[in-house]
Amino acid sequence: MKMMECSEEEDGYSSEEAEEDEDDTEEAEEDEEEEEEMMVPGMEGKEEPGSDSGTTAVVALIRGKQLIVANAGDSRCVVSEAGKALDMSYDHKPEDEVELARIKNAGGKVTMDGRVNGGLNLSRAIGDHFYKRNKNLPPEEQMISALPDIKVLTLTDDHEFMVIACDGIWNVMSSQEVVDFIQSKISQRDENGKLRLLSSIVEELLDQCLAPDTSGDGTGCDNMTCIIICFKPRNTAELPPESGKRKLEEVLSTEGAEENGDSDKKKKARRD
């Protein structure tokens, strides 16, 4: 509600106050109409505090040589396969054919700017319960669903690293552009001959995506979250130099053997 100076009058209202009161009434009526438009058959109750809060999710699990990725929303997981970007998740957007069909079936609509009932610009999320109140439908058929899509990849020596990031990154750079950016930095060495830390590459990537100011169309002004995971050990300050040449399986098996050896030595020492 805008602030304004008002002169006092005998009836307790100035003309400006009366105009402001009318504006407030019209605004309240518009809000009620908008909420009624968003209500569909089967939806019950008023909007509860926090019911418009939600989050996307992308989860990656490595089991043996399998990479399993599940996601809901438009956060993305990308794997570099011999320098080529391989999307391991789906961007769940309202204008997608499958997503649009579900939204319409649940009684919703997608506006011209790609938003569900003029609100969310994604079609799957955890939370956002305001869009999940149709009592006639199961959770996976609501306008906004938390049901994840899942992809599985068998890892080989061609798979170098993966990137998990939110749409603040992907709205600025494509999957291939991000892979190319990381590829150009990941082999760089510092003055001591150590490979760059992945955290410093992440920081540079975020700076690359960040808009210089907020006078543009909003691109580069969103919140940003990113993590880079290498599938092979690297010769950096974070790891012993000799481990950079070994495969992940060799490192794990060797470390396990060393731990068992130390344990055997301790047992022998106790017996002696």
Protein backbone atom coordinates (compact mmCIF):
# COMPACT_ATOMS: atom_id res chain seq x y z
CA MET A 1 0.00 0.00 0.00
CA LYS A 2 1.59 3.30 -1.06
CA MET A 3 2.30 6.02 1.49
CA MET A 4 1.04 9.57 0.95
CA GLU A 5 0.60 12.72 2.96
CA CYS A 6 -3.03 13.68 3.63
CA SER A 7 -4.59 16.84 4.98
CA GLU A 8 -7.11 16.36 7.79
CA GLU A 9 -10.78 17.06 7.14
CA GLU A 10 -13.76 17.16 9.46
CA ASP A 11 -15.26 13.86 8.32
CA GLY A 12 -12.01 12.10 8.99
CA TYR A 13 -11.26 11.45 5.33
CA SER A 14 -9.47 13.55 2.78
CA SER A 15 -10.21 13.13 -0.90
CA GLU A 16 -6.87 11.36 -1.29
CA GLU A 17 -7.73 8.97 1.52
CA ALA A 18 -11.07 8.18 -0.08
CA GLU A 19 -9.37 7.42 -3.39
CA GLU A 20 -6.85 5.23 -1.63
CA ASP A 21 -9.66 3.38 0.18
CA GLU A 22 -11.38 2.70 -3.15
CA ASP A 23 -8.12 1.42 -4.60
CA ASP A 24 -7.68 -0.96 -1.67
CA THR A 25 -11.23 -2.29 -2.11
CA GLU A 26 -10.73 -2.86 -5.83
CA GLU A 27 -7.39 -4.57 -5.18
CA ALA A 28 -8.96 -6.88 -2.59
CA GLU A 29 -11.78 -7.77 -5.00
CA GLU A 30 -9.26 -8.52 -7.74
CA ASP A 31 -7.31 -10.78 -5.37
CA GLU A 32 -10.50 -12.67 -4.49
CA GLU A 33 -11.40 -13.05 -8.17
CA GLU A 34 -7.89 -14.29 -8.96
CA GLU A 35 -8.07 -16.89 -6.18
CA GLU A 36 -11.51 -18.01 -7.40
CA GLU A 37 -10.09 -18.44 -10.90
CA MET A 38 -7.32 -20.62 -9.51
CA MET A 39 -9.81 -22.81 -7.64
CA VAL A 40 -11.02 -25.85 -9.55
CA PRO A 41 -13.60 -28.53 -8.75
CA GLY A 42 -12.30 -30.72 -5.95
CA MET A 43 -10.07 -28.03 -4.47
CA GLU A 44 -10.97 -27.20 -0.92
CA GLY A 45 -10.11 -24.55 1.65
CA LYS A 46 -8.42 -21.20 1.60
CA GLU A 47 -4.74 -20.77 0.90
CA GLU A 48 -2.72 -21.55 4.02
CA PRO A 49 0.40 -19.57 5.01
CA GLY A 50 3.41 -21.10 3.30
CA SER A 51 1.36 -23.12 0.82
CA ASP A 52 2.92 -21.17 -2.04
CA SER A 53 6.46 -22.11 -0.96
CA GLY A 54 8.29 -24.95 -2.62
CA THR A 55 11.55 -26.18 -4.09
CA THR A 56 12.94 -28.14 -7.00
CA ALA A 57 15.10 -31.20 -6.36
CA VAL A 58 17.76 -33.10 -8.28
CA VAL A 59 19.49 -36.05 -6.64
CA ALA A 60 22.44 -38.07 -7.99
CA LEU A 61 23.46 -41.46 -6.60
CA ILE A 62 26.53 -43.44 -7.66
CA ARG A 63 26.17 -47.17 -7.06
CA GLY A 64 29.07 -49.17 -8.39
CA LYS A 65 29.44 -47.99 -11.97
CA GLN A 66 25.87 -46.76 -12.23
CA LEU A 67 24.86 -43.13 -11.94
CA ILE A 68 21.19 -42.75 -10.96
CA VAL A 69 19.64 -39.28 -11.18
CA ALA A 70 16.14 -38.27 -10.08
CA ASN A 71 14.68 -34.79 -10.44
CA ALA A 72 11.50 -32.78 -10.00
CA GLY A 73 11.50 -29.25 -11.38
CA ASP A 74 13.97 -27.36 -13.53
CA SER A 75 17.22 -27.87 -11.62
CA ARG A 76 19.48 -29.89 -13.88
CA CYS A 77 22.18 -32.57 -13.79
CA VAL A 78 24.64 -32.66 -16.69
CA VAL A 79 27.44 -35.17 -17.29
CA SER A 80 30.49 -34.47 -19.44
CA GLU A 81 31.03 -37.46 -21.73
CA ALA A 82 34.33 -36.97 -23.59
CA GLY A 83 33.58 -33.24 -23.60
CA LYS A 84 29.98 -33.62 -24.77
CA ALA A 85 27.13 -32.48 -22.51
CA LEU A 86 24.74 -35.28 -21.55
CA ASP A 87 21.56 -34.20 -19.76
CA MET A 88 20.75 -36.59 -16.92
CA SER A 89 17.52 -34.84 -15.90
CA TYR A 90 14.41 -33.30 -17.41
CA ASP A 91 13.43 -29.63 -17.17
CA HIS A 92 9.81 -29.83 -16.03
CA LYS A 93 8.22 -26.79 -17.68
CA PRO A 94 4.46 -26.06 -17.97
CA GLU A 95 4.56 -25.71 -21.76
CA ASP A 96 5.94 -29.24 -22.23
CA GLU A 97 3.31 -31.43 -23.91
CA VAL A 98 3.13 -34.07 -21.16
CA GLU A 99 3.18 -31.51 -18.35
CA LEU A 100 0.59 -29.29 -20.05
CA ALA A 101 -1.82 -32.21 -20.44
CA ARG A 102 -1.59 -33.02 -16.73
CA ILE A 103 -2.05 -29.38 -15.71
CA LYS A 104 -5.17 -29.02 -17.86
CA ASN A 105 -6.59 -32.32 -16.65
CA ALA A 106 -6.21 -31.08 -13.08
CA GLY A 107 -8.20 -27.95 -13.96
CA GLY A 108 -5.28 -25.58 -14.38
CA LYS A 109 -4.06 -23.47 -17.24
CA VAL A 110 -0.76 -22.18 -18.56
CA THR A 111 -0.50 -18.48 -19.33
CA MET A 112 1.31 -16.99 -22.31
CA ASP A 113 4.46 -16.43 -20.23
CA GLY A 114 4.63 -20.14 -19.35
CA ARG A 115 3.26 -20.04 -15.81
CA VAL A 116 0.76 -22.37 -14.13
CA ASN A 117 -2.32 -20.24 -13.43
CA GLY A 118 -0.06 -17.22 -13.80
CA GLY A 119 2.11 -18.35 -10.88
CA LEU A 120 4.83 -20.99 -11.06
CA ASN A 121 7.06 -21.23 -14.13
CA LEU A 122 7.72 -24.93 -13.52
CA SER A 123 5.40 -27.93 -13.42
CA ARG A 124 6.92 -30.20 -10.78
CA ALA A 125 8.13 -29.28 -7.32
CA ILE A 126 8.26 -30.34 -3.70
CA GLY A 127 5.86 -28.20 -1.68
CA ASP A 128 3.70 -25.55 -3.41
CA HIS A 129 0.66 -27.21 -1.83
CA PHE A 130 -1.68 -24.51 -3.11
CA TYR A 131 -1.50 -26.23 -6.51
CA LYS A 132 -2.07 -29.70 -5.03
CA ARG A 133 -5.51 -29.37 -3.43
CA ASN A 134 -7.63 -31.27 -5.92
CA LYS A 135 -9.15 -33.97 -3.71
CA ASN A 136 -10.30 -35.93 -6.76
CA LEU A 137 -6.77 -36.62 -8.01
CA PRO A 138 -3.74 -38.52 -6.67
CA PRO A 139 -0.51 -36.57 -5.97
CA GLU A 140 1.13 -37.43 -9.29
CA GLU A 141 -1.82 -36.00 -11.26
CA GLN A 142 -2.05 -32.63 -9.51
CA MET A 143 -1.31 -29.41 -11.41
CA ILE A 144 2.10 -29.36 -9.74
CA SER A 145 3.51 -32.82 -9.07
CA ALA A 146 6.47 -33.93 -6.95
CA LEU A 147 6.83 -37.17 -8.91
CA PRO A 148 10.46 -37.37 -10.12
CA ASP A 149 11.77 -38.53 -13.47
CA ILE A 150 14.70 -40.94 -13.22
CA LYS A 151 17.65 -41.59 -15.54
CA VAL A 152 20.39 -44.22 -15.22
CA LEU A 153 23.86 -44.11 -16.81
CA THR A 154 26.65 -46.69 -16.79
CA LEU A 155 29.86 -44.78 -16.09
CA THR A 156 32.95 -45.33 -18.25
CA ASP A 157 36.35 -43.68 -18.61
CA ASP A 158 34.73 -41.22 -21.04
CA HIS A 159 32.67 -39.67 -18.23
CA GLU A 160 34.74 -36.93 -16.65
CA PHE A 161 32.49 -34.95 -14.32
CA MET A 162 28.91 -33.94 -13.63
CA VAL A 163 27.35 -30.59 -12.81
CA ILE A 164 24.25 -30.13 -10.67
CA ALA A 165 22.80 -26.62 -10.72
CA CYS A 166 19.55 -24.68 -10.46
CA ASP A 167 17.92 -22.68 -13.24
CA GLY A 168 19.83 -19.54 -12.28
CA ILE A 169 22.69 -21.14 -14.22
CA TRP A 170 20.75 -22.82 -17.02
CA ASN A 171 18.75 -19.68 -17.86
CA VAL A 172 22.05 -18.04 -18.80
CA MET A 173 24.15 -20.88 -20.24
CA SER A 174 23.28 -24.09 -22.06
CA SER A 175 24.40 -27.51 -20.86
CA GLN A 176 27.14 -27.62 -23.48
CA GLU A 177 28.32 -24.10 -22.66
CA VAL A 178 28.68 -25.03 -18.99
CA VAL A 179 30.62 -28.20 -19.87
CA ASP A 180 32.88 -26.23 -22.22
CA PHE A 181 33.47 -23.59 -19.54
CA ILE A 182 34.47 -26.19 -16.94
CA GLN A 183 36.61 -28.12 -19.45
CA SER A 184 38.60 -24.96 -20.15
CA LYS A 185 39.31 -24.47 -16.42
CA ILE A 186 39.59 -27.95 -14.97
CA SER A 187 43.08 -28.65 -16.35
CA GLN A 188 44.55 -25.30 -15.33
CA ARG A 189 47.34 -25.39 -12.72
CA ASP A 190 48.41 -22.87 -10.10
CA GLU A 191 51.94 -21.61 -9.44
CA ASN A 192 52.68 -24.76 -7.43
CA GLY A 193 51.67 -27.05 -10.27
CA LYS A 194 48.44 -28.13 -8.61
CA LEU A 195 45.20 -28.38 -10.55
CA ARG A 196 42.61 -25.76 -9.66
CA LEU A 197 40.16 -26.55 -6.89
CA LEU A 198 36.67 -27.28 -8.17
CA SER A 199 35.25 -24.72 -5.74
CA SER A 200 37.17 -21.92 -7.48
CA ILE A 201 35.79 -23.04 -10.86
CA VAL A 202 32.26 -22.97 -9.43
CA GLU A 203 32.80 -19.42 -8.17
CA GLU A 204 34.03 -18.32 -11.60
CA LEU A 205 31.04 -20.00 -13.27
CA LEU A 206 28.62 -18.13 -11.00
CA ASP A 207 30.39 -14.85 -11.73
CA GLN A 208 30.11 -15.63 -15.44
CA CYS A 209 26.32 -16.06 -15.12
CA LEU A 210 25.73 -13.10 -12.80
CA ALA A 211 24.22 -10.04 -14.50
CA PRO A 212 26.29 -6.83 -14.10
CA ASP A 213 23.18 -5.00 -12.95
CA THR A 214 19.39 -5.40 -12.70
CA SER A 215 18.45 -3.13 -15.59
CA GLY A 216 18.05 -5.99 -18.08
CA ASP A 217 15.33 -8.58 -18.60
CA GLY A 218 16.14 -10.41 -15.37
CA THR A 219 18.54 -12.93 -16.91
CA GLY A 220 21.43 -13.46 -14.52
CA CYS A 221 19.53 -12.03 -11.55
CA ASP A 222 18.13 -15.30 -10.20
CA ASN A 223 19.57 -17.17 -7.23
CA MET A 224 22.32 -19.63 -8.20
CA THR A 225 23.40 -22.97 -6.76
CA CYS A 226 26.00 -25.22 -8.39
CA ILE A 227 28.24 -28.17 -7.59
CA ILE A 228 30.83 -29.97 -9.74
CA ILE A 229 31.63 -33.64 -9.06
CA CYS A 230 34.62 -35.30 -10.75
CA PHE A 231 34.37 -39.03 -11.37
CA LYS A 232 38.16 -39.47 -11.16
CA PRO A 233 40.63 -38.28 -8.50
CA ARG A 234 42.50 -35.10 -9.38
CA ASN A 235 46.04 -34.02 -8.51
CA THR A 236 45.06 -31.02 -6.38
CA ALA A 237 45.81 -29.76 -2.90
CA GLU A 238 42.73 -31.67 -1.78
CA LEU A 239 44.26 -35.08 -2.67
CA PRO A 240 47.71 -36.71 -2.33
CA PRO A 241 49.69 -36.14 -5.59
CA GLU A 242 50.04 -39.86 -6.35
CA SER A 243 46.26 -40.42 -6.24
CA GLY A 244 45.67 -38.26 -9.31
CA LYS A 245 46.87 -41.06 -11.59
CA ARG A 246 44.73 -43.79 -10.07
CA LYS A 247 41.20 -44.73 -10.94
CA LEU A 248 38.47 -44.24 -8.38
CA GLU A 249 38.05 -48.00 -7.92
CA GLU A 250 41.80 -48.39 -7.27
CA VAL A 251 41.79 -45.61 -4.68
CA LEU A 252 38.84 -47.10 -2.81
CA SER A 253 40.19 -50.65 -2.86
CA THR A 254 43.69 -49.56 -1.83
CA GLU A 255 42.43 -47.39 1.01
CA GLY A 256 40.25 -50.25 2.22
CA ALA A 257 43.22 -52.63 2.15
CA GLU A 258 45.37 -50.12 4.04
CA GLU A 259 42.72 -49.76 6.71
CA ASN A 260 42.47 -53.53 7.08
CA GLY A 261 46.26 -53.78 7.23
CA ASP A 262 46.46 -51.15 9.96
CA SER A 263 43.78 -53.00 11.88
CA ASP A 264 45.71 -56.28 11.59
CA LYS A 265 48.88 -54.56 12.79
CA LYS A 266 47.07 -53.15 15.81
CA LYS A 267 45.65 -56.58 16.65
CA LYS A 268 49.11 -58.13 16.36
CA ALA A 269 50.60 -55.41 18.56
CA ARG A 270 47.97 -56.06 21.21
CA ARG A 271 48.71 -59.81 21.10
CA ASP A 272 52.46 -59.14 21.41
